[in-house]
Amino acid sequence: MRELTFPRTVVVGKGGLEYLKRVGGKRALVVCGATVKKMGFVDRVVGYLKEAGIESKTFEVEPEPSRETIGKGAQLARDYEPDWIIGLGGGSNIDAAKAIWFLYERPEMDLAAINPFIRLGLRKKARLICIPTTSGSGSDASFATVITDLREERKMELANAELVPDVSILDPDLPMAMPQRLVADTGFDALSHALEAYIANERNDFSDALALMAVRLIFKYLPRAYRSPEDREAREKMHNAATMAGMAFTQSDVALGHALGHVLGGIFHVPHGRLMAVFIPYVIEYNAKVVSERYAEIAKAVGIEAKTNEEAVERLVNMIKDLRSELGEPASLSEAGIKREDFEKRLDELAERVTKSVVLPSNPRALSLENAKKLLQYIYEGRRVDF
């Protein structure tokens, strides 16, 4: 049995932010970052809340927020006692809002206690609204939150169905402000979610439907969203695709790509979406040994014709590599700026951490410590996976 969990309300389309005028309550804590403040998005949210008769405070977080920052936000929430927590911005801001909300609701628990198999008992004090301004993480509709433990140089992989937001607001005006590099990075993040949801061991009919539609939208609209900043249709479709991909992996899971991404991102601090752009082709080549038919179905969904599953997989990998090149993303860990000396010095540690990732059991092909080390070396050097 698997319990499927979605946001209670998803608001889509132009003017979506105005939904905030209709929410009830007394106080809201808006979790955001410096960029969305500069863009005026925080002022708009606070203004709509004021029209609803809701007072608000803001709490600013850094990219890839740390445990320490989350603790400060939770203390502010306990002092302010909001009945709404609002995550506004990219995945980091929304993940921070979830973590702050959890510690506000359950101050006696440690952040590390979050896992899919326990009851958290949230929504006694507040509910959660998430408003993405980028089109990648899908955190506005997912059960996951990723927080950085600076002391241990790792990303905490935390997930529980109760962390799925009550409301997700997809206002197409917000992603129009994204610069090209962010469009590319977040677009590959969304693609990785959809691809992994479709091949993960926990996949099901519901996750399949969402994942395939997200993949179709991404291949069709990501190049346009990247090339043409004023292409409103492309930006809106990518915004929707990212949330659909978040829904998909919440009903299924992510897999090897994210095991790699969380480990290397926590140590080398390369943006998550950029790492996903690097990893996707290698992960497909590794997993195709056991789920080639699943990747062939994805290939067919995006218009690839092939006589065999193996041919379909090869063409899908090439299609992704072409997209990666078009969007100026790195093709290897070396191209991503990780120095060989630093990589080799920590290779054994990296491999061990990847094999211990909480998302790795969802991967359809097992990964031994030996193969993890070998795979990392292949990805660093940009070699085709042949084992």
Protein backbone atom coordinates (compact mmCIF):
# COMPACT_ATOMS: atom_id res chain seq x y z
CA MET A 1 0.00 0.00 0.00
CA ARG A 2 1.15 3.54 -0.75
CA GLU A 3 -0.68 6.65 0.40
CA LEU A 4 -0.76 9.37 -2.26
CA THR A 5 -0.65 12.97 -1.06
CA PHE A 6 -1.21 16.17 -3.03
CA PRO A 7 -1.68 19.84 -2.06
CA ARG A 8 -5.29 20.47 -1.04
CA THR A 9 -5.39 23.49 -3.37
CA VAL A 10 -3.33 24.33 -6.44
CA VAL A 11 -3.90 27.82 -7.84
CA VAL A 12 -2.87 28.22 -11.48
CA GLY A 13 -2.94 31.02 -14.02
CA LYS A 14 -2.45 34.75 -14.25
CA GLY A 15 -3.38 36.63 -11.11
CA GLY A 16 -2.74 33.59 -8.93
CA LEU A 17 -1.14 35.65 -6.17
CA GLU A 18 -4.47 37.37 -5.60
CA TYR A 19 -5.68 34.13 -4.03
CA LEU A 20 -3.99 35.43 -0.89
CA LYS A 21 -6.72 38.06 -0.56
CA ARG A 22 -9.15 35.28 0.26
CA VAL A 23 -7.30 33.31 2.91
CA GLY A 24 -8.46 33.59 6.50
CA GLY A 25 -6.24 34.03 9.51
CA LYS A 26 -4.49 36.58 11.69
CA ARG A 27 -0.75 36.34 11.13
CA ALA A 28 1.60 35.00 8.45
CA LEU A 29 5.33 34.37 8.47
CA VAL A 30 6.73 34.82 4.96
CA VAL A 31 9.96 32.87 4.39
CA CYS A 32 11.89 34.34 1.48
CA GLY A 33 15.32 35.22 0.13
CA ALA A 34 17.10 38.44 -0.78
CA THR A 35 16.39 38.09 -4.50
CA VAL A 36 12.60 37.86 -4.23
CA LYS A 37 12.68 40.87 -1.91
CA LYS A 38 14.59 42.90 -4.47
CA MET A 39 12.15 41.88 -7.20
CA GLY A 40 9.20 43.19 -5.21
CA PHE A 41 7.50 39.81 -4.83
CA VAL A 42 7.53 40.02 -1.03
CA ASP A 43 5.82 43.40 -1.11
CA ARG A 44 3.09 42.00 -3.35
CA VAL A 45 2.49 39.03 -1.06
CA VAL A 46 2.43 41.20 2.06
CA GLY A 47 0.05 43.61 0.32
CA TYR A 48 -2.44 40.88 -0.60
CA LEU A 49 -2.27 39.46 2.92
CA LYS A 50 -3.02 42.91 4.30
CA GLU A 51 -6.12 43.09 2.09
CA ALA A 52 -7.20 39.80 3.67
CA GLY A 53 -6.78 41.31 7.12
CA ILE A 54 -3.64 39.28 7.86
CA GLU A 55 -0.58 40.92 9.39
CA SER A 56 2.81 39.49 8.43
CA LYS A 57 6.48 39.28 9.18
CA THR A 58 9.26 38.17 6.85
CA PHE A 59 12.23 35.93 7.49
CA GLU A 60 15.09 35.89 5.01
CA VAL A 61 17.10 32.73 4.29
CA GLU A 62 20.26 32.09 2.31
CA PRO A 63 20.53 29.76 -0.71
CA GLU A 64 20.79 26.15 0.50
CA PRO A 65 19.65 27.14 4.01
CA SER A 66 21.50 25.74 6.99
CA ARG A 67 20.22 24.06 10.14
CA GLU A 68 21.25 27.17 12.05
CA THR A 69 19.12 29.43 9.86
CA ILE A 70 16.15 27.09 10.23
CA GLY A 71 16.52 27.22 14.01
CA LYS A 72 16.42 31.02 13.99
CA GLY A 73 13.34 31.00 11.77
CA ALA A 74 11.59 28.52 14.03
CA GLN A 75 12.28 30.71 17.06
CA LEU A 76 10.81 33.71 15.25
CA ALA A 77 7.73 31.63 14.43
CA ARG A 78 7.33 30.58 18.08
CA ASP A 79 7.57 34.20 19.18
CA TYR A 80 5.22 35.51 16.47
CA GLU A 81 2.72 32.61 16.50
CA PRO A 82 1.55 32.76 12.87
CA ASP A 83 -1.35 30.66 11.60
CA TRP A 84 0.14 30.64 8.10
CA ILE A 85 3.72 29.86 7.05
CA ILE A 86 4.37 31.06 3.49
CA GLY A 87 7.34 29.86 1.44
CA LEU A 88 8.09 32.33 -1.36
CA GLY A 89 10.87 31.89 -3.90
CA GLY A 90 12.96 29.02 -5.22
CA GLY A 91 13.37 25.58 -3.77
CA SER A 92 15.68 26.73 -0.98
CA ASN A 93 13.15 29.22 0.36
CA ILE A 94 10.28 26.74 0.18
CA ASP A 95 12.33 23.97 1.78
CA ALA A 96 13.25 26.39 4.57
CA ALA A 97 9.59 27.27 5.10
CA LYS A 98 8.74 23.59 5.51
CA ALA A 99 11.54 23.01 8.00
CA ILE A 100 10.68 26.13 10.01
CA TRP A 101 7.04 25.08 10.04
CA PHE A 102 7.94 21.64 11.34
CA LEU A 103 10.04 23.01 14.21
CA TYR A 104 7.37 25.58 15.03
CA GLU A 105 4.76 22.84 15.26
CA ARG A 106 7.03 20.31 16.98
CA PRO A 107 9.69 22.22 18.98
CA GLU A 108 10.53 19.13 21.00
CA MET A 109 11.70 17.24 17.89
CA ASP A 110 14.94 17.46 15.97
CA LEU A 111 14.95 18.29 12.28
CA ALA A 112 16.76 15.03 11.57
CA ALA A 113 13.78 13.08 12.92
CA ILE A 114 11.74 13.82 9.79
CA ASN A 115 11.23 10.66 7.75
CA PRO A 116 8.40 9.15 5.68
CA PHE A 117 7.44 6.53 8.24
CA ILE A 118 6.32 8.57 11.26
CA ARG A 119 3.40 10.80 12.06
CA LEU A 120 4.57 14.39 12.49
CA GLY A 121 1.31 15.81 13.81
CA LEU A 122 1.47 19.10 11.91
CA ARG A 123 -1.27 21.70 11.32
CA LYS A 124 -2.07 22.25 14.98
CA LYS A 125 -0.71 25.81 14.89
CA ALA A 126 -0.41 26.78 11.23
CA ARG A 127 -0.86 25.73 7.63
CA LEU A 128 1.54 26.06 4.72
CA ILE A 129 1.29 28.05 1.48
CA CYS A 130 4.08 27.73 -1.08
CA ILE A 131 4.63 30.14 -3.95
CA PRO A 132 7.46 29.18 -6.32
CA THR A 133 9.18 31.91 -8.32
CA THR A 134 11.45 29.45 -10.14
CA SER A 135 10.50 26.37 -12.15
CA GLY A 136 12.52 23.44 -10.90
CA SER A 137 12.34 22.11 -7.36
CA GLY A 138 8.65 21.15 -7.30
CA SER A 139 8.90 21.65 -3.53
CA ASP A 140 5.62 23.56 -3.62
CA ALA A 141 3.87 20.23 -4.20
CA SER A 142 6.30 17.71 -2.74
CA PHE A 143 6.88 15.88 0.52
CA ALA A 144 10.58 16.75 0.66
CA THR A 145 12.75 19.38 2.26
CA VAL A 146 16.52 19.54 1.86
CA ILE A 147 18.47 21.44 4.51
CA THR A 148 22.25 21.87 4.68
CA ASP A 149 24.22 20.63 7.66
CA LEU A 150 27.29 22.85 7.45
CA ARG A 151 29.22 21.02 10.15
CA GLU A 152 28.89 17.66 8.42
CA GLU A 153 29.04 19.10 4.88
CA ARG A 154 25.92 17.27 3.84
CA LYS A 155 22.43 17.89 2.66
CA MET A 156 19.81 16.42 4.95
CA GLU A 157 17.35 14.37 2.89
CA LEU A 158 14.08 14.83 4.76
CA ALA A 159 10.62 13.75 3.61
CA ASN A 160 7.17 13.14 5.03
CA ALA A 161 3.72 13.32 3.44
CA GLU A 162 2.61 15.89 6.03
CA LEU A 163 5.12 18.35 4.54
CA VAL A 164 3.09 18.54 1.31
CA PRO A 165 1.79 22.13 1.35
CA ASP A 166 -1.85 22.97 1.86
CA VAL A 167 -1.77 25.49 -1.00
CA SER A 168 0.51 25.84 -4.01
CA ILE A 169 0.21 29.07 -5.99
CA LEU A 170 1.55 28.98 -9.56
CA ASP A 171 1.39 32.56 -10.81
CA PRO A 172 2.95 32.71 -14.30
CA ASP A 173 4.13 36.29 -13.76
CA LEU A 174 6.72 35.15 -11.21
CA PRO A 175 9.00 32.95 -13.37
CA MET A 176 9.17 35.68 -16.02
CA ALA A 177 11.92 37.30 -13.94
CA MET A 178 14.27 34.30 -14.07
CA PRO A 179 17.61 34.88 -15.86
CA GLN A 180 18.76 32.41 -18.51
CA ARG A 181 21.16 30.44 -16.29
CA LEU A 182 18.49 29.91 -13.66
CA VAL A 183 16.01 28.78 -16.33
CA ALA A 184 18.49 26.14 -17.46
CA ASP A 185 19.47 24.93 -13.99
CA THR A 186 15.94 24.72 -12.66
CA GLY A 187 14.67 23.18 -15.89
CA PHE A 188 17.07 20.26 -15.56
CA ASP A 189 16.08 19.88 -11.91
CA ALA A 190 12.44 19.48 -12.98
CA LEU A 191 13.45 17.02 -15.71
CA SER A 192 15.41 14.92 -13.22
CA HIS A 193 12.38 14.70 -10.93
CA ALA A 194 10.11 13.53 -13.72
CA LEU A 195 12.59 11.00 -15.11
CA GLU A 196 13.38 9.50 -11.72
CA ALA A 197 9.75 9.35 -10.64
CA TYR A 198 9.02 7.27 -13.75
CA ILE A 199 11.73 4.66 -13.10
CA ALA A 200 11.77 4.57 -9.28
CA ASN A 201 10.82 1.32 -7.58
CA GLU A 202 7.76 2.96 -5.97
CA ARG A 203 6.32 4.17 -9.29
CA ASN A 204 2.57 3.79 -9.88
CA ASP A 205 -0.11 4.81 -12.35
CA PHE A 206 -0.54 8.26 -10.80
CA SER A 207 3.16 9.12 -10.69
CA ASP A 208 3.59 7.78 -14.22
CA ALA A 209 0.91 10.06 -15.63
CA LEU A 210 2.32 13.17 -13.97
CA ALA A 211 5.92 12.30 -14.81
CA LEU A 212 5.29 11.66 -18.50
CA MET A 213 3.32 14.87 -18.93
CA ALA A 214 6.03 16.83 -17.16
CA VAL A 215 8.71 15.32 -19.42
CA ARG A 216 6.71 16.22 -22.53
CA LEU A 217 6.24 19.80 -21.38
CA ILE A 218 9.89 20.21 -20.44
CA PHE A 219 11.28 18.96 -23.75
CA LYS A 220 8.84 21.18 -25.65
CA TYR A 221 9.06 24.37 -23.63
CA LEU A 222 12.43 24.49 -21.84
CA PRO A 223 14.42 25.47 -24.95
CA ARG A 224 11.90 28.23 -25.66
CA ALA A 225 11.90 29.46 -22.06
CA TYR A 226 15.70 29.61 -22.20
CA ARG A 227 16.02 31.30 -25.59
CA SER A 228 13.20 33.82 -25.26
CA PRO A 229 12.81 35.52 -21.86
CA GLU A 230 9.56 37.14 -23.01
CA ASP A 231 7.93 33.86 -24.06
CA ARG A 232 5.16 33.84 -21.45
CA GLU A 233 3.62 30.58 -22.64
CA ALA A 234 6.93 28.71 -22.34
CA ARG A 235 7.65 30.11 -18.87
CA GLU A 236 4.14 29.22 -17.67
CA LYS A 237 4.29 25.69 -19.09
CA MET A 238 7.67 25.11 -17.42
CA HIS A 239 6.26 26.41 -14.13
CA ASN A 240 3.42 23.91 -14.34
CA ALA A 241 5.76 21.10 -15.39
CA ALA A 242 8.02 21.64 -12.38
CA THR A 243 5.09 21.32 -9.99
CA MET A 244 3.78 18.25 -11.81
CA ALA A 245 7.22 16.66 -11.53
CA GLY A 246 7.21 17.46 -7.80
CA MET A 247 3.85 15.77 -7.47
CA ALA A 248 5.15 12.80 -9.44
CA PHE A 249 8.16 12.06 -7.26
CA THR A 250 6.12 12.58 -4.10
CA GLN A 251 3.87 9.72 -5.20
CA SER A 252 6.93 7.71 -6.30
CA ASP A 253 10.40 8.89 -5.32
CA VAL A 254 13.67 10.22 -6.66
CA ALA A 255 16.61 7.89 -7.13
CA LEU A 256 20.29 7.66 -8.03
CA GLY A 257 20.60 11.12 -9.58
CA HIS A 258 19.51 12.74 -6.35
CA ALA A 259 21.67 10.49 -4.22
CA LEU A 260 24.60 11.81 -6.26
CA GLY A 261 23.31 15.38 -6.29
CA HIS A 262 22.71 15.69 -2.57
CA VAL A 263 26.14 14.29 -1.70
CA LEU A 264 28.20 16.30 -4.18
CA GLY A 265 26.12 19.44 -3.72
CA GLY A 266 26.66 19.35 0.02
CA ILE A 267 30.44 19.11 -0.38
CA PHE A 268 31.26 21.07 -3.54
CA HIS A 269 28.36 23.56 -3.51
CA VAL A 270 27.55 23.32 -7.21
CA PRO A 271 23.92 24.40 -7.81
CA HIS A 272 21.61 21.40 -7.58
CA GLY A 273 19.99 21.81 -10.98
CA ARG A 274 23.38 22.11 -12.66
CA LEU A 275 24.46 18.85 -11.07
CA MET A 276 21.27 17.22 -12.31
CA ALA A 277 22.12 18.38 -15.85
CA VAL A 278 25.46 16.62 -15.48
CA PHE A 279 24.11 13.42 -13.95
CA ILE A 280 20.98 12.61 -15.97
CA PRO A 281 22.61 10.91 -19.01
CA TYR A 282 24.98 8.86 -16.85
CA VAL A 283 22.17 7.74 -14.56
CA ILE A 284 20.09 6.65 -17.55
CA GLU A 285 23.01 4.67 -18.96
CA TYR A 286 23.58 2.98 -15.59
CA ASN A 287 19.91 2.17 -14.93
CA ALA A 288 19.06 1.12 -18.49
CA LYS A 289 20.62 -2.25 -17.75
CA VAL A 290 17.46 -3.09 -15.77
CA VAL A 291 14.72 -0.63 -16.85
CA SER A 292 15.39 0.00 -20.54
CA GLU A 293 11.69 -0.47 -21.30
CA ARG A 294 10.78 2.41 -18.97
CA TYR A 295 13.23 4.76 -20.64
CA ALA A 296 11.96 3.57 -24.03
CA GLU A 297 8.46 4.62 -22.98
CA ILE A 298 9.78 8.06 -22.07
CA ALA A 299 11.57 8.25 -25.42
CA LYS A 300 8.37 7.41 -27.25
CA ALA A 301 6.49 10.07 -25.26
CA VAL A 302 8.84 12.77 -26.56
CA GLY A 303 8.62 11.61 -30.17
CA ILE A 304 11.65 9.35 -30.48
CA GLU A 305 11.21 6.44 -32.87
CA ALA A 306 13.31 3.33 -32.39
CA LYS A 307 13.19 -0.37 -33.24
CA THR A 308 14.53 -1.60 -29.90
CA ASN A 309 14.58 -0.41 -26.29
CA GLU A 310 18.35 -0.08 -26.47
CA GLU A 311 18.14 2.19 -29.50
CA ALA A 312 15.45 4.26 -27.79
CA VAL A 313 17.61 4.70 -24.69
CA GLU A 314 20.61 5.77 -26.74
CA ARG A 315 18.53 8.33 -28.65
CA LEU A 316 16.98 9.63 -25.42
CA VAL A 317 20.43 10.10 -23.89
CA ASN A 318 21.61 11.93 -27.00
CA MET A 319 18.52 14.13 -26.95
CA ILE A 320 19.22 15.10 -23.34
CA LYS A 321 22.88 15.75 -24.12
CA ASP A 322 21.87 17.99 -27.03
CA LEU A 323 19.50 19.91 -24.76
CA ARG A 324 22.22 20.21 -22.13
CA SER A 325 24.63 21.61 -24.68
CA GLU A 326 22.03 24.03 -26.07
CA LEU A 327 21.41 25.40 -22.59
CA GLY A 328 25.11 25.75 -21.79
CA GLU A 329 25.19 23.18 -19.00
CA PRO A 330 28.33 21.20 -18.07
CA ALA A 331 28.68 17.63 -19.34
CA SER A 332 30.94 16.33 -16.57
CA LEU A 333 31.95 17.06 -13.00
CA SER A 334 35.20 18.45 -14.35
CA GLU A 335 33.29 20.92 -16.54
CA ALA A 336 31.14 21.81 -13.52
CA GLY A 337 34.24 23.31 -11.93
CA ILE A 338 35.22 20.62 -9.44
CA LYS A 339 39.00 20.38 -9.26
CA ARG A 340 40.48 16.94 -9.87
CA GLU A 341 42.62 17.15 -6.75
CA ASP A 342 39.58 17.89 -4.57
CA PHE A 343 37.53 15.19 -6.27
CA GLU A 344 40.14 12.47 -5.96
CA LYS A 345 40.93 13.35 -2.36
CA ARG A 346 37.31 12.77 -1.37
CA LEU A 347 36.32 10.07 -3.86
CA ASP A 348 36.10 7.24 -1.33
CA GLU A 349 34.02 9.39 0.98
CA LEU A 350 31.75 10.51 -1.86
CA ALA A 351 31.10 6.93 -2.95
CA GLU A 352 30.32 5.82 0.58
CA ARG A 353 27.92 8.70 1.16
CA VAL A 354 26.10 8.03 -2.12
CA THR A 355 25.54 4.38 -1.19
CA LYS A 356 24.09 5.50 2.17
CA SER A 357 21.70 8.07 0.70
CA VAL A 358 18.11 7.59 1.87
CA VAL A 359 16.83 7.87 -1.71
CA LEU A 360 19.12 5.23 -3.19
CA PRO A 361 16.86 2.25 -2.26
CA SER A 362 14.33 3.69 -4.73
CA ASN A 363 16.75 3.22 -7.60
CA PRO A 364 15.84 0.24 -9.82
CA ARG A 365 19.45 -0.94 -10.09
CA ALA A 366 21.51 -1.62 -6.97
CA LEU A 367 24.71 0.35 -6.49
CA SER A 368 27.66 -1.25 -4.73
CA LEU A 369 30.43 0.81 -3.18
CA GLU A 370 32.76 -0.31 -5.96
CA ASN A 371 30.29 0.72 -8.67
CA ALA A 372 29.57 4.03 -6.93
CA LYS A 373 33.24 4.90 -7.03
CA LYS A 374 33.52 3.80 -10.66
CA LEU A 375 30.41 5.75 -11.66
CA LEU A 376 31.70 8.91 -10.03
CA GLN A 377 34.98 8.57 -11.91
CA TYR A 378 33.13 8.14 -15.19
CA ILE A 379 31.00 11.21 -14.50
CA TYR A 380 34.03 13.27 -13.57
CA GLU A 381 35.77 12.38 -16.82
CA GLY A 382 32.66 12.48 -19.04
CA ARG A 383 32.86 8.80 -20.06
CA ARG A 384 29.91 6.75 -21.31
CA VAL A 385 28.75 4.29 -18.65
CA ASP A 386 29.50 0.79 -19.94
CA PHE A 387 29.09 -1.35 -16.83
